[in-house]
Amino acid sequence: MIDLHCHILPGIDDGARDLEDALALCKMAAADGIRHMTATPHIHPGRWENTRQSIQPVFEHLQSQLVAENIPLSLAMAGEVRLSAEVLALFANQSLPYLGEWEGKQVMLLELPHGNVPPGSDKLAKWLIDRGVLPMIAHPERNKGFAADISRLYPFLEMGCLLQLTAMSICDRFGDYAYETAHTILEQGWATIVASDAHNCESRPPVLSEAFGIVAERYGDKMAEQLFVTNPGRIAGLSE
């Protein structure tokens, strides 16, 4: 399995606190059957002032430690970019890190606030698409606006945005509304990938196998393979 959303880089957001935490997360992921992780620290102007340039050395250090510890996991870096006006400047400064590519466009993990869908969110998505950047909406099932009215997703889907579901939502670990919305998205065939959004080994672990089993049982092996292996591998440019 391939995990394209996790907070395993040490000390730069609310994920791994230090290198020991980061390595523990990587070991747990490998034990769960995850062979590749793309680290996606928060890029949230005013809270987490990360950029592609500042993330790079932290990523390279963890990558070298994986080799030293002989942990069987490949690693890449991107970011979880918070919806904000600052995204325009980050784009202009080439400070946005991307997950990879999808149909000729760079894929950017875009996070909306959990409580609502801000007016103009779809306009920012369109602005990015017009410049060759395709938003992947992070955990839409955990957004209360989408959960209250799933039709709010339609403008994003119509312009081609991708959707990333969280494994724990599928497993009913984020509450009823996230669980129900996640399964609505799965039933409609709108999901692109499932990722862990791991932050720690306790309450938000880097585990995908349970969700893989649920998707395979309820929606078929083909969908499970597509969401956990094929699509994330395609985006990350990994060979089969």
Protein backbone atom coordinates (compact mmCIF):
# COMPACT_ATOMS: atom_id res chain seq x y z
CA MET A 1 0.00 0.00 0.00
CA ILE A 2 1.00 3.61 -0.61
CA ASP A 3 0.27 6.48 1.81
CA LEU A 4 0.28 9.99 0.32
CA HIS A 5 -0.85 11.98 3.38
CA CYS A 6 0.97 11.73 6.71
CA HIS A 7 2.68 13.94 9.26
CA ILE A 8 5.86 12.01 9.97
CA LEU A 9 8.52 14.69 9.58
CA PRO A 10 9.83 15.59 13.04
CA GLY A 11 9.28 18.90 14.76
CA ILE A 12 7.69 20.99 12.00
CA ASP A 13 3.96 20.62 12.65
CA ASP A 14 1.54 18.76 14.94
CA GLY A 15 2.76 15.34 13.82
CA ALA A 16 5.97 13.61 14.90
CA ARG A 17 7.56 15.55 17.75
CA ASP A 18 11.12 14.35 17.19
CA LEU A 19 13.21 11.85 15.25
CA GLU A 20 12.33 9.03 17.63
CA ASP A 21 8.63 9.63 16.99
CA ALA A 22 9.20 9.84 13.24
CA LEU A 23 11.05 6.53 13.12
CA ALA A 24 8.39 4.83 15.24
CA LEU A 25 5.74 6.01 12.78
CA CYS A 26 7.75 4.72 9.83
CA LYS A 27 8.29 1.33 11.49
CA MET A 28 4.57 1.01 12.26
CA ALA A 29 3.68 1.90 8.66
CA ALA A 30 6.09 -0.68 7.25
CA ALA A 31 4.72 -3.33 9.61
CA ASP A 32 1.20 -2.55 8.36
CA GLY A 33 2.20 -3.25 4.77
CA ILE A 34 2.84 0.31 3.59
CA ARG A 35 5.81 0.42 1.22
CA HIS A 36 5.87 4.13 0.42
CA MET A 37 4.91 7.29 2.33
CA THR A 38 4.82 10.87 1.12
CA ALA A 39 5.32 13.19 4.08
CA THR A 40 2.87 16.08 3.95
CA PRO A 41 3.53 18.56 6.77
CA HIS A 42 1.06 21.39 7.22
CA ILE A 43 1.64 24.51 5.15
CA HIS A 44 -0.64 26.88 7.02
CA PRO A 45 0.36 30.55 6.89
CA GLY A 46 0.10 32.11 10.33
CA ARG A 47 0.38 28.74 12.07
CA TRP A 48 2.81 26.40 10.34
CA GLU A 49 5.12 28.49 8.18
CA ASN A 50 6.48 25.61 6.13
CA THR A 51 7.50 25.84 2.48
CA ARG A 52 8.96 23.43 -0.02
CA GLN A 53 12.38 24.90 0.70
CA SER A 54 12.15 24.60 4.50
CA ILE A 55 10.72 21.06 4.43
CA GLN A 56 13.49 19.69 2.21
CA PRO A 57 16.33 19.38 4.80
CA VAL A 58 14.03 17.82 7.42
CA PHE A 59 12.85 15.30 4.84
CA GLU A 60 16.39 14.47 3.72
CA HIS A 61 17.51 13.84 7.31
CA LEU A 62 14.61 11.45 7.99
CA GLN A 63 15.23 9.72 4.68
CA SER A 64 18.87 9.10 5.62
CA GLN A 65 17.81 7.73 9.01
CA LEU A 66 15.44 5.25 7.37
CA VAL A 67 18.40 3.89 5.44
CA ALA A 68 20.56 3.79 8.56
CA GLU A 69 17.84 1.97 10.51
CA ASN A 70 17.14 -0.39 7.60
CA ILE A 71 13.42 0.42 7.62
CA PRO A 72 11.84 -0.99 4.41
CA LEU A 73 9.97 2.14 3.39
CA SER A 74 10.50 4.59 0.56
CA LEU A 75 9.85 8.24 1.32
CA ALA A 76 8.93 11.38 -0.60
CA MET A 77 7.88 14.87 0.47
CA ALA A 78 5.02 17.22 -0.31
CA GLY A 79 2.75 19.28 1.95
CA GLU A 80 -0.82 19.72 3.12
CA VAL A 81 -1.61 23.24 1.96
CA ARG A 82 -4.26 25.16 3.87
CA LEU A 83 -6.76 27.10 1.80
CA SER A 84 -5.75 30.75 2.10
CA ALA A 85 -5.00 33.86 0.06
CA GLU A 86 -1.31 33.20 0.70
CA VAL A 87 -1.44 30.19 -1.65
CA LEU A 88 -1.16 32.60 -4.59
CA ALA A 89 2.15 34.00 -3.29
CA LEU A 90 3.45 30.53 -2.39
CA PHE A 91 2.71 29.43 -5.93
CA ALA A 92 4.43 32.48 -7.41
CA ASN A 93 7.53 31.87 -5.25
CA GLN A 94 7.65 28.18 -6.24
CA SER A 95 7.27 27.30 -2.55
CA LEU A 96 4.46 24.76 -2.94
CA PRO A 97 5.49 21.10 -2.82
CA TYR A 98 3.48 18.68 -4.93
CA LEU A 99 2.43 15.05 -4.46
CA GLY A 100 3.23 14.16 -8.06
CA GLU A 101 1.23 14.29 -11.27
CA TRP A 102 -2.20 13.35 -12.56
CA GLU A 103 -3.10 13.67 -16.24
CA GLY A 104 -0.32 16.16 -16.89
CA LYS A 105 -0.99 18.42 -13.89
CA GLN A 106 0.92 18.78 -10.64
CA VAL A 107 -1.15 17.45 -7.73
CA MET A 108 -1.37 19.59 -4.59
CA LEU A 109 -2.95 18.38 -1.34
CA LEU A 110 -5.39 21.15 -0.39
CA GLU A 111 -6.95 21.36 3.08
CA LEU A 112 -10.16 23.27 3.77
CA PRO A 113 -11.17 24.27 7.30
CA HIS A 114 -12.93 21.43 9.11
CA GLY A 115 -15.96 23.51 10.02
CA ASN A 116 -17.11 24.83 6.65
CA VAL A 117 -16.47 25.33 2.95
CA PRO A 118 -15.34 28.97 2.70
CA PRO A 119 -16.95 31.05 -0.07
CA GLY A 120 -14.60 31.22 -3.05
CA SER A 121 -12.91 27.88 -2.32
CA ASP A 122 -13.88 26.60 -5.74
CA LYS A 123 -12.52 29.79 -7.34
CA LEU A 124 -9.09 29.18 -5.78
CA ALA A 125 -9.22 25.59 -7.02
CA LYS A 126 -10.02 26.84 -10.52
CA TRP A 127 -7.18 29.40 -10.30
CA LEU A 128 -4.74 26.60 -9.50
CA ILE A 129 -6.06 24.31 -12.23
CA ASP A 130 -5.67 27.10 -14.80
CA ARG A 131 -1.97 27.20 -13.82
CA GLY A 132 -1.39 23.47 -14.12
CA VAL A 133 -1.93 22.56 -10.46
CA LEU A 134 -4.69 20.06 -9.67
CA PRO A 135 -6.01 20.21 -6.09
CA MET A 136 -6.57 17.00 -4.20
CA ILE A 137 -9.06 17.85 -1.44
CA ALA A 138 -7.75 16.43 1.83
CA HIS A 139 -10.26 14.45 3.94
CA PRO A 140 -13.47 16.05 2.54
CA GLU A 141 -15.49 13.62 4.67
CA ARG A 142 -14.30 15.41 7.81
CA ASN A 143 -15.48 18.82 6.58
CA LYS A 144 -18.81 19.66 8.23
CA GLY A 145 -19.93 21.68 5.23
CA PHE A 146 -19.57 18.75 2.84
CA ALA A 147 -21.09 16.38 5.42
CA ALA A 148 -24.14 18.61 5.82
CA ASP A 149 -24.63 19.02 2.06
CA ILE A 150 -22.68 16.66 -0.18
CA SER A 151 -23.68 18.74 -3.23
CA ARG A 152 -21.08 21.30 -2.11
CA LEU A 153 -18.52 18.90 -3.52
CA TYR A 154 -20.01 19.08 -7.02
CA PRO A 155 -18.14 22.21 -8.22
CA PHE A 156 -14.81 20.65 -7.20
CA LEU A 157 -15.63 17.33 -8.85
CA GLU A 158 -16.87 19.01 -12.02
CA MET A 159 -13.57 20.85 -12.50
CA GLY A 160 -11.63 17.62 -11.96
CA CYS A 161 -10.36 17.96 -8.38
CA LEU A 162 -9.23 14.73 -6.73
CA LEU A 163 -10.44 13.51 -3.32
CA GLN A 164 -8.41 11.89 -0.52
CA LEU A 165 -10.30 9.97 2.15
CA THR A 166 -8.83 9.18 5.57
CA ALA A 167 -8.51 5.53 6.56
CA MET A 168 -9.78 6.17 10.09
CA SER A 169 -12.96 7.79 8.75
CA ILE A 170 -13.71 4.64 6.78
CA CYS A 171 -13.17 2.63 9.98
CA ASP A 172 -15.57 4.87 11.97
CA ARG A 173 -12.86 6.44 14.16
CA PHE A 174 -13.67 10.09 13.41
CA GLY A 175 -17.36 10.09 14.35
CA ASP A 176 -20.61 9.37 12.59
CA TYR A 177 -20.67 12.24 10.11
CA ALA A 178 -17.14 11.50 8.83
CA TYR A 179 -17.93 7.79 8.56
CA GLU A 180 -21.19 8.32 6.72
CA THR A 181 -19.76 10.94 4.37
CA ALA A 182 -16.70 8.79 3.60
CA HIS A 183 -18.91 5.89 2.62
CA THR A 184 -21.18 8.12 0.54
CA ILE A 185 -18.09 9.26 -1.38
CA LEU A 186 -16.97 5.64 -1.81
CA GLU A 187 -20.42 4.54 -2.96
CA GLN A 188 -20.48 7.33 -5.55
CA GLY A 189 -17.01 6.36 -6.82
CA TRP A 190 -15.64 9.85 -6.20
CA ALA A 191 -12.59 8.96 -4.09
CA THR A 192 -9.15 9.03 -5.69
CA ILE A 193 -7.01 7.68 -2.84
CA VAL A 194 -7.19 6.65 0.80
CA ALA A 195 -4.39 7.83 3.10
CA SER A 196 -3.63 7.61 6.81
CA ASP A 197 -3.19 11.30 7.72
CA ALA A 198 -1.04 9.83 10.50
CA HIS A 199 0.15 12.13 13.28
CA ASN A 200 1.22 9.69 16.01
CA CYS A 201 1.30 6.01 16.88
CA GLU A 202 -1.55 6.17 19.38
CA SER A 203 -4.67 8.06 18.33
CA ARG A 204 -3.80 8.72 14.67
CA PRO A 205 -1.54 5.89 13.52
CA PRO A 206 -0.02 5.20 10.07
CA VAL A 207 -2.29 2.23 9.40
CA LEU A 208 -4.14 1.47 6.17
CA SER A 209 -4.76 -2.30 6.31
CA GLU A 210 -8.04 -2.15 8.27
CA ALA A 211 -9.57 0.38 5.88
CA PHE A 212 -8.27 -1.61 2.90
CA GLY A 213 -10.14 -4.66 4.23
CA ILE A 214 -13.38 -2.70 4.72
CA VAL A 215 -13.24 -1.20 1.22
CA ALA A 216 -12.45 -4.60 -0.32
CA GLU A 217 -15.32 -6.27 1.53
CA ARG A 218 -17.94 -3.59 0.87
CA TYR A 219 -16.92 -2.28 -2.56
CA GLY A 220 -14.71 -4.97 -4.04
CA ASP A 221 -11.05 -5.86 -4.34
CA LYS A 222 -10.66 -3.76 -7.50
CA MET A 223 -11.65 -0.53 -5.75
CA ALA A 224 -9.43 -1.30 -2.77
CA GLU A 225 -6.44 -1.89 -5.02
CA GLN A 226 -7.17 1.29 -6.95
CA LEU A 227 -7.49 3.55 -3.88
CA PHE A 228 -4.62 2.16 -1.81
CA VAL A 229 -2.11 1.10 -4.48
CA THR A 230 -2.79 1.99 -8.13
CA ASN A 231 -3.93 5.62 -7.91
CA PRO A 232 -1.48 6.76 -5.21
CA GLY A 233 1.31 4.96 -7.06
CA ARG A 234 0.35 6.68 -10.30
CA ILE A 235 0.38 10.12 -8.63
CA ALA A 236 3.72 9.48 -6.89
CA GLY A 237 5.31 8.10 -10.07
CA LEU A 238 6.05 4.71 -8.55
CA SER A 239 6.46 1.67 -10.73
CA GLU A 240 4.31 -1.36 -10.01
